[in-house]
PDB file of N, CA and C in Angstrom:
ATOM      1  N   MET A   1      -5.490   7.904  -9.164  1.00  0.00           N
ATOM      2  CA  MET A   1      -6.048   7.259  -8.391  1.00  0.00           C
ATOM      3  C   MET A   1      -7.777   7.294  -9.153  1.00  0.00           C
ATOM      4  N   SER A   2      -8.445   5.861  -9.208  1.00  0.00           N
ATOM      5  CA  SER A   2      -9.260   5.799  -9.385  1.00  0.00           C
ATOM      6  C   SER A   2     -10.721   5.901  -8.393  1.00  0.00           C
ATOM      7  N   TRP A   3     -12.276   6.454  -9.299  1.00  0.00           N
ATOM      8  CA  TRP A   3     -13.037   6.689  -8.251  1.00  0.00           C
ATOM      9  C   TRP A   3     -13.178   4.722  -7.823  1.00  0.00           C
ATOM     10  N   HIS A   4     -13.779   5.345  -6.791  1.00  0.00           N
ATOM     11  CA  HIS A   4     -14.583   4.331  -5.441  1.00  0.00           C
ATOM     12  C   HIS A   4     -15.993   4.656  -5.028  1.00  0.00           C
ATOM     13  N   LYS A   5     -16.561   3.602  -4.948  1.00  0.00           N
ATOM     14  CA  LYS A   5     -18.220   3.723  -4.564  1.00  0.00           C
ATOM     15  C   LYS A   5     -17.397   4.020  -3.334  1.00  0.00           C
ATOM     16  N   VAL A   6     -18.803   4.617  -2.218  1.00  0.00           N
ATOM     17  CA  VAL A   6     -18.834   5.384  -0.923  1.00  0.00           C
ATOM     18  C   VAL A   6     -20.186   5.080  -0.802  1.00  0.00           C
ATOM     19  N   ASP A   7     -19.932   5.336   0.682  1.00  0.00           N
ATOM     20  CA  ASP A   7     -21.508   5.657   1.316  1.00  0.00           C
ATOM     21  C   ASP A   7     -21.923   6.485   2.742  1.00  0.00           C
ATOM     22  N   VAL A   8     -22.789   7.744   1.466  1.00  0.00           N
ATOM     23  CA  VAL A   8     -22.736   9.122   1.872  1.00  0.00           C
ATOM     24  C   VAL A   8     -23.659   9.644   2.599  1.00  0.00           C
ATOM     25  N   LYS A   9     -23.725   9.605   3.963  1.00  0.00           N
ATOM     26  CA  LYS A   9     -24.378  10.488   4.639  1.00  0.00           C
ATOM     27  C   LYS A   9     -24.782  11.951   4.942  1.00  0.00           C
ATOM     28  N   VAL A  10     -25.842  12.692   4.525  1.00  0.00           N
ATOM     29  CA  VAL A  10     -25.991  14.090   4.133  1.00  0.00           C
ATOM     30  C   VAL A  10     -26.794  14.269   5.589  1.00  0.00           C
ATOM     31  N   GLY A  11     -26.934  14.768   6.502  1.00  0.00           N
ATOM     32  CA  GLY A  11     -27.799  15.564   7.390  1.00  0.00           C
ATOM     33  C   GLY A  11     -28.293  13.673   7.790  1.00  0.00           C
ATOM     34  N   THR A  12     -29.540  13.523   7.188  1.00  0.00           N
ATOM     35  CA  THR A  12     -30.151  11.968   7.994  1.00  0.00           C
ATOM     36  C   THR A  12     -30.128  10.920   7.203  1.00  0.00           C
ATOM     37  N   GLU A  13     -29.783  11.436   5.297  1.00  0.00           N
ATOM     38  CA  GLU A  13     -30.265  11.025   3.970  1.00  0.00           C
ATOM     39  C   GLU A  13     -28.935   9.959   4.103  1.00  0.00           C
ATOM     40  N   ASN A  14     -29.334   8.848   3.591  1.00  0.00           N
ATOM     41  CA  ASN A  14     -28.120   8.255   3.540  1.00  0.00           C
ATOM     42  C   ASN A  14     -27.953   7.688   1.880  1.00  0.00           C
ATOM     43  N   ILE A  15     -27.198   8.177   1.041  1.00  0.00           N
ATOM     44  CA  ILE A  15     -26.855   8.355  -0.685  1.00  0.00           C
ATOM     45  C   ILE A  15     -25.784   7.270  -0.643  1.00  0.00           C
ATOM     46  N   SER A  16     -25.660   6.733  -2.258  1.00  0.00           N
ATOM     47  CA  SER A  16     -24.135   6.496  -2.287  1.00  0.00           C
ATOM     48  C   SER A  16     -23.369   7.339  -3.731  1.00  0.00           C
ATOM     49  N   GLY A  17     -22.452   7.315  -3.409  1.00  0.00           N
ATOM     50  CA  GLY A  17     -21.421   8.313  -4.169  1.00  0.00           C
ATOM     51  C   GLY A  17     -20.444   7.792  -4.901  1.00  0.00           C
ATOM     52  N   MET A  18     -19.177   8.311  -5.827  1.00  0.00           N
ATOM     53  CA  MET A  18     -18.046   7.971  -5.759  1.00  0.00           C
ATOM     54  C   MET A  18     -17.116   9.443  -5.565  1.00  0.00           C
ATOM     55  N   LEU A  19     -16.381   8.910  -5.058  1.00  0.00           N
ATOM     56  CA  LEU A  19     -14.741   8.982  -4.426  1.00  0.00           C
ATOM     57  C   LEU A  19     -13.427   8.708  -5.105  1.00  0.00           C
ATOM     58  N   ASN A  20     -12.877  10.003  -5.554  1.00  0.00           N
ATOM     59  CA  ASN A  20     -11.904   9.583  -6.400  1.00  0.00           C
ATOM     60  C   ASN A  20     -10.767  10.826  -5.843  1.00  0.00           C
ATOM     61  N   ALA A  21     -10.061  10.771  -4.718  1.00  0.00           N
ATOM     62  CA  ALA A  21      -9.025  11.569  -3.680  1.00  0.00           C
ATOM     63  C   ALA A  21      -9.979  12.132  -2.785  1.00  0.00           C
ATOM     64  N   ASN A  22      -9.819  13.397  -3.138  1.00  0.00           N
ATOM     65  CA  ASN A  22     -11.040  14.651  -2.272  1.00  0.00           C
ATOM     66  C   ASN A  22     -11.987  14.573  -3.680  1.00  0.00           C
ATOM     67  N   MET A  23     -12.129  14.100  -4.422  1.00  0.00           N
ATOM     68  CA  MET A  23     -12.998  14.850  -4.637  1.00  0.00           C
ATOM     69  C   MET A  23     -14.987  14.163  -4.532  1.00  0.00           C
ATOM     70  N   LEU A  24     -15.944  14.600  -4.857  1.00  0.00           N
ATOM     71  CA  LEU A  24     -16.766  13.576  -4.598  1.00  0.00           C
ATOM     72  C   LEU A  24     -18.073  13.894  -5.147  1.00  0.00           C
ATOM     73  N   GLN A  25     -18.839  12.993  -5.726  1.00  0.00           N
ATOM     74  CA  GLN A  25     -19.684  13.436  -6.474  1.00  0.00           C
ATOM     75  C   GLN A  25     -20.981  12.647  -5.871  1.00  0.00           C
ATOM     76  N   ILE A  26     -22.293  13.176  -5.564  1.00  0.00           N
ATOM     77  CA  ILE A  26     -23.323  12.208  -4.793  1.00  0.00           C
ATOM     78  C   ILE A  26     -24.734  12.903  -6.008  1.00  0.00           C
ATOM     79  N   SER A  27     -25.551  12.558  -5.536  1.00  0.00           N
ATOM     80  CA  SER A  27     -26.791  12.997  -6.546  1.00  0.00           C
ATOM     81  C   SER A  27     -27.000  14.207  -5.258  1.00  0.00           C
ATOM     82  N   SER A  28     -27.821  15.529  -6.402  1.00  0.00           N
ATOM     83  CA  SER A  28     -28.122  17.141  -5.278  1.00  0.00           C
ATOM     84  C   SER A  28     -29.021  16.905  -4.655  1.00  0.00           C
ATOM     85  N   VAL A  29     -28.701  17.317  -3.425  1.00  0.00           N
ATOM     86  CA  VAL A  29     -29.361  17.537  -2.243  1.00  0.00           C
ATOM     87  C   VAL A  29     -30.137  18.537  -1.903  1.00  0.00           C
ATOM     88  N   GLU A  30     -30.944  19.063  -0.619  1.00  0.00           N
ATOM     89  CA  GLU A  30     -32.086  19.747  -0.791  1.00  0.00           C
ATOM     90  C   GLU A  30     -30.868  20.474  -0.091  1.00  0.00           C
ATOM     91  N   ASN A  31     -30.316  20.400   1.446  1.00  0.00           N
ATOM     92  CA  ASN A  31     -29.062  20.999   2.584  1.00  0.00           C
ATOM     93  C   ASN A  31     -28.065  20.181   2.973  1.00  0.00           C
ATOM     94  N   LEU A  32     -26.676  20.814   2.103  1.00  0.00           N
ATOM     95  CA  LEU A  32     -25.577  20.098   1.973  1.00  0.00           C
ATOM     96  C   LEU A  32     -25.139  19.867   3.614  1.00  0.00           C
ATOM     97  N   GLY A  33     -24.673  20.930   3.976  1.00  0.00           N
ATOM     98  CA  GLY A  33     -24.315  21.859   4.952  1.00  0.00           C
ATOM     99  C   GLY A  33     -22.968  22.435   5.277  1.00  0.00           C
ATOM    100  N   GLU A  34     -21.632  21.839   6.585  1.00  0.00           N
ATOM    101  CA  GLU A  34     -20.820  22.825   6.781  1.00  0.00           C
ATOM    102  C   GLU A  34     -19.826  20.795   6.254  1.00  0.00           C
ATOM    103  N   SER A  35     -20.323  19.800   6.891  1.00  0.00           N
ATOM    104  CA  SER A  35     -19.661  18.747   6.765  1.00  0.00           C
ATOM    105  C   SER A  35     -19.950  17.039   5.932  1.00  0.00           C
ATOM    106  N   ILE A  36     -19.261  16.349   6.185  1.00  0.00           N
ATOM    107  CA  ILE A  36     -20.356  15.503   5.262  1.00  0.00           C
ATOM    108  C   ILE A  36     -19.732  13.682   5.756  1.00  0.00           C
ATOM    109  N   THR A  37     -20.309  12.585   5.760  1.00  0.00           N
ATOM    110  CA  THR A  37     -20.053  11.569   6.823  1.00  0.00           C
ATOM    111  C   THR A  37     -19.874  10.141   5.373  1.00  0.00           C
ATOM    112  N   VAL A  38     -18.457  10.217   5.095  1.00  0.00           N
ATOM    113  CA  VAL A  38     -18.224   9.191   4.056  1.00  0.00           C
ATOM    114  C   VAL A  38     -17.456   8.290   4.092  1.00  0.00           C
ATOM    115  N   ASN A  39     -18.354   6.604   3.907  1.00  0.00           N
ATOM    116  CA  ASN A  39     -18.377   5.281   4.783  1.00  0.00           C
ATOM    117  C   ASN A  39     -17.423   5.775   6.481  1.00  0.00           C
ATOM    118  N   GLY A  40     -18.066   6.692   6.971  1.00  0.00           N
ATOM    119  CA  GLY A  40     -18.103   6.439   8.191  1.00  0.00           C
ATOM    120  C   GLY A  40     -17.501   7.245   9.303  1.00  0.00           C
ATOM    121  N   LYS A  41     -16.642   8.298   8.107  1.00  0.00           N
ATOM    122  CA  LYS A  41     -15.538   9.248   8.530  1.00  0.00           C
ATOM    123  C   LYS A  41     -15.569  10.436   8.012  1.00  0.00           C
ATOM    124  N   ASN A  42     -16.045  11.915   8.595  1.00  0.00           N
ATOM    125  CA  ASN A  42     -16.586  12.832   8.886  1.00  0.00           C
ATOM    126  C   ASN A  42     -15.801  13.583   8.118  1.00  0.00           C
ATOM    127  N   TYR A  43     -15.781  14.547   7.153  1.00  0.00           N
ATOM    128  CA  TYR A  43     -15.184  15.490   6.585  1.00  0.00           C
ATOM    129  C   TYR A  43     -15.800  16.906   6.287  1.00  0.00           C
ATOM    130  N   LYS A  44     -14.807  17.812   6.113  1.00  0.00           N
ATOM    131  CA  LYS A  44     -15.678  19.396   6.045  1.00  0.00           C
ATOM    132  C   LYS A  44     -15.694  19.316   4.637  1.00  0.00           C
ATOM    133  N   ILE A  45     -16.075  20.199   4.341  1.00  0.00           N
ATOM    134  CA  ILE A  45     -16.815  20.291   2.759  1.00  0.00           C
ATOM    135  C   ILE A  45     -15.857  22.037   2.098  1.00  0.00           C
ATOM    136  N   GLU A  46     -15.020  21.647   1.598  1.00  0.00           N
ATOM    137  CA  GLU A  46     -14.457  22.697   0.861  1.00  0.00           C
ATOM    138  C   GLU A  46     -14.708  23.772  -0.010  1.00  0.00           C
ATOM    139  N   SER A  47     -15.222  23.084  -1.043  1.00  0.00           N
ATOM    140  CA  SER A  47     -16.288  23.370  -1.738  1.00  0.00           C
ATOM    141  C   SER A  47     -17.098  23.230  -2.811  1.00  0.00           C
ATOM    142  N   PHE A  48     -17.656  23.259  -3.711  1.00  0.00           N
ATOM    143  CA  PHE A  48     -18.700  21.995  -4.479  1.00  0.00           C
ATOM    144  C   PHE A  48     -19.132  23.034  -5.463  1.00  0.00           C
ATOM    145  N   ILE A  49     -19.578  22.512  -6.509  1.00  0.00           N
ATOM    146  CA  ILE A  49     -20.345  23.007  -7.655  1.00  0.00           C
ATOM    147  C   ILE A  49     -21.574  21.822  -7.798  1.00  0.00           C
ATOM    148  N   VAL A  50     -22.735  22.694  -8.271  1.00  0.00           N
ATOM    149  CA  VAL A  50     -23.972  21.907  -8.716  1.00  0.00           C
ATOM    150  C   VAL A  50     -23.777  21.876 -10.244  1.00  0.00           C
ATOM    151  N   ASP A  51     -23.917  20.625 -11.047  1.00  0.00           N
ATOM    152  CA  ASP A  51     -24.063  20.396 -12.162  1.00  0.00           C
ATOM    153  C   ASP A  51     -25.477  20.271 -12.241  1.00  0.00           C
ATOM    154  N   HIS A  52     -25.929  20.999 -13.560  1.00  0.00           N
ATOM    155  CA  HIS A  52     -27.430  21.298 -13.273  1.00  0.00           C
ATOM    156  C   HIS A  52     -27.700  20.001 -14.556  1.00  0.00           C
ATOM    157  N   ARG A  53     -27.038  19.769 -15.675  1.00  0.00           N
ATOM    158  CA  ARG A  53     -27.345  19.279 -16.578  1.00  0.00           C
ATOM    159  C   ARG A  53     -27.498  17.048 -15.633  1.00  0.00           C
ATOM    160  N   ASP A  54     -27.058  16.948 -14.994  1.00  0.00           N
ATOM    161  CA  ASP A  54     -26.862  15.658 -14.553  1.00  0.00           C
ATOM    162  C   ASP A  54     -27.793  15.771 -13.512  1.00  0.00           C
ATOM    163  N   ASN A  55     -28.045  16.758 -12.666  1.00  0.00           N
ATOM    164  CA  ASN A  55     -28.582  16.872 -10.639  1.00  0.00           C
ATOM    165  C   ASN A  55     -27.160  15.996 -10.573  1.00  0.00           C
ATOM    166  N   VAL A  56     -26.138  16.898 -10.431  1.00  0.00           N
ATOM    167  CA  VAL A  56     -25.071  15.922  -9.584  1.00  0.00           C
ATOM    168  C   VAL A  56     -24.274  17.068  -8.791  1.00  0.00           C
ATOM    169  N   LEU A  57     -23.706  17.073  -7.034  1.00  0.00           N
ATOM    170  CA  LEU A  57     -22.789  17.813  -6.592  1.00  0.00           C
ATOM    171  C   LEU A  57     -21.740  17.083  -6.767  1.00  0.00           C
ATOM    172  N   LYS A  58     -20.739  17.964  -6.955  1.00  0.00           N
ATOM    173  CA  LYS A  58     -19.217  17.985  -7.597  1.00  0.00           C
ATOM    174  C   LYS A  58     -19.060  18.240  -5.877  1.00  0.00           C
ATOM    175  N   ILE A  59     -18.237  17.525  -4.938  1.00  0.00           N
ATOM    176  CA  ILE A  59     -17.735  18.213  -3.478  1.00  0.00           C
ATOM    177  C   ILE A  59     -16.337  18.175  -3.837  1.00  0.00           C
ATOM    178  N   ILE A  60     -15.878  19.010  -3.137  1.00  0.00           N
ATOM    179  CA  ILE A  60     -14.486  19.246  -2.840  1.00  0.00           C
ATOM    180  C   ILE A  60     -14.277  19.104  -1.093  1.00  0.00           C
ATOM    181  N   LEU A  61     -13.813  17.809  -1.026  1.00  0.00           N
ATOM    182  CA  LEU A  61     -13.745  17.579   0.350  1.00  0.00           C
ATOM    183  C   LEU A  61     -12.073  18.398   1.499  1.00  0.00           C
ATOM    184  N   ALA A  62     -12.211  18.821   2.685  1.00  0.00           N
ATOM    185  CA  ALA A  62     -10.926  19.609   2.806  1.00  0.00           C
ATOM    186  C   ALA A  62     -10.374  18.086   2.901  1.00  0.00           C
ATOM    187  N   LYS A  63      -8.659  18.370   2.948  1.00  0.00           N
ATOM    188  CA  LYS A  63      -7.819  17.209   3.452  1.00  0.00           C
ATOM    189  C   LYS A  63      -7.586  17.427   5.150  1.00  0.00           C
ATOM    190  N   ALA A  64      -7.133  16.116   5.550  1.00  0.00           N
ATOM    191  CA  ALA A  64      -7.251  15.659   7.200  1.00  0.00           C
ATOM    192  C   ALA A  64      -5.754  17.390   6.842  1.00  0.00           C
ATOM    193  N   SER A  65      -5.698  17.636   8.137  1.00  0.00           N
ATOM    194  CA  SER A  65      -4.761  18.452   9.051  1.00  0.00           C
ATOM    195  C   SER A  65      -3.318  18.140   9.656  1.00  0.00           C
ATOM    196  N   PRO A  66      -2.329  18.977   9.319  1.00  0.00           N
ATOM    197  CA  PRO A  66      -1.370  18.560   8.954  1.00  0.00           C
ATOM    198  C   PRO A  66      -1.037  17.231  10.614  1.00  0.00           C
ATOM    199  N   ALA A  67       0.109  15.389  10.815  1.00  0.00           N
ATOM    200  CA  ALA A  67       0.263  15.366  11.537  1.00  0.00           C
ATOM    201  C   ALA A  67       1.490  16.562  12.801  1.00  0.00           C
ATOM    202  N   LYS A  68       0.741  16.727  13.787  1.00  0.00           N
ATOM    203  CA  LYS A  68       1.343  17.426  15.144  1.00  0.00           C
ATOM    204  C   LYS A  68       2.805  16.567  15.202  1.00  0.00           C
ATOM    205  N   GLU A  69       3.650  16.176  14.412  1.00  0.00           N
ATOM    206  CA  GLU A  69       5.348  15.825  15.249  1.00  0.00           C
ATOM    207  C   GLU A  69       6.082  17.257  15.058  1.00  0.00           C
ATOM    208  N   LYS A  70       6.835  16.377  16.695  1.00  0.00           N
ATOM    209  CA  LYS A  70       8.332  17.245  15.851  1.00  0.00           C
ATOM    210  C   LYS A  70       9.636  16.764  15.310  1.00  0.00           C
ATOM    211  N   SER A  71       9.849  17.317  14.791  1.00  0.00           N
ATOM    212  CA  SER A  71      11.318  17.051  14.183  1.00  0.00           C
ATOM    213  C   SER A  71      12.046  17.032  14.836  1.00  0.00           C
ATOM    214  N   ASP A  72      13.034  16.028  14.956  1.00  0.00           N
ATOM    215  CA  ASP A  72      14.320  16.002  15.558  1.00  0.00           C
ATOM    216  C   ASP A  72      15.413  16.532  14.813  1.00  0.00           C
ATOM    217  N   ASP A  73      15.472  16.893  13.577  1.00  0.00           N
ATOM    218  CA  ASP A  73      16.218  17.761  12.717  1.00  0.00           C
ATOM    219  C   ASP A  73      17.671  16.599  12.518  1.00  0.00           C
ATOM    220  N   LYS A  74      17.199  14.917  12.334  1.00  0.00           N
ATOM    221  CA  LYS A  74      17.708  13.800  11.706  1.00  0.00           C
ATOM    222  C   LYS A  74      17.471  13.579  10.438  1.00  0.00           C
ATOM    223  N   PRO A  75      18.015  13.545   9.193  1.00  0.00           N
ATOM    224  CA  PRO A  75      17.505  12.865   8.237  1.00  0.00           C
ATOM    225  C   PRO A  75      16.705  11.468   8.074  1.00  0.00           C
ATOM    226  N   THR A  76      16.451  10.893   7.613  1.00  0.00           N
ATOM    227  CA  THR A  76      14.966   9.402   7.672  1.00  0.00           C
ATOM    228  C   THR A  76      16.130   8.502   6.814  1.00  0.00           C
ATOM    229  N   GLN A  77      17.022   9.069   5.659  1.00  0.00           N
ATOM    230  CA  GLN A  77      17.500   8.234   4.952  1.00  0.00           C
ATOM    231  C   GLN A  77      19.504   8.749   5.134  1.00  0.00           C
ATOM    232  N   ARG A  78      20.051   8.084   5.188  1.00  0.00           N
ATOM    233  CA  ARG A  78      21.147   8.408   4.670  1.00  0.00           C
ATOM    234  C   ARG A  78      21.522   9.153   3.363  1.00  0.00           C
ATOM    235  N   ALA A  79      22.283  10.145   3.124  1.00  0.00           N
ATOM    236  CA  ALA A  79      22.505  10.685   2.935  1.00  0.00           C
ATOM    237  C   ALA A  79      24.076   9.939   1.865  1.00  0.00           C
ATOM    238  N   ASP A  80      24.495   9.433   0.785  1.00  0.00           N
ATOM    239  CA  ASP A  80      25.803   8.900   0.186  1.00  0.00           C
ATOM    240  C   ASP A  80      26.470   9.972  -0.692  1.00  0.00           C
TER     241      ASP A  80
END
């Protein structure tokens, strides 16, 4: 996957960031919290690392919870 520019909201602060799959990079902020808003969608923060060389936060976003679907135990493809 490639990196995409995204709009990030941390508390009341709006900043730009770069997103690749579930890895987000933003400039360092004071109070990160437990969740973050990326392009209007709220994500929980799984973990983060502060890169002091570039003053950047490297954030791993928690993946969405699995869909709550029931299996009908029927194959989706025909087996030959």
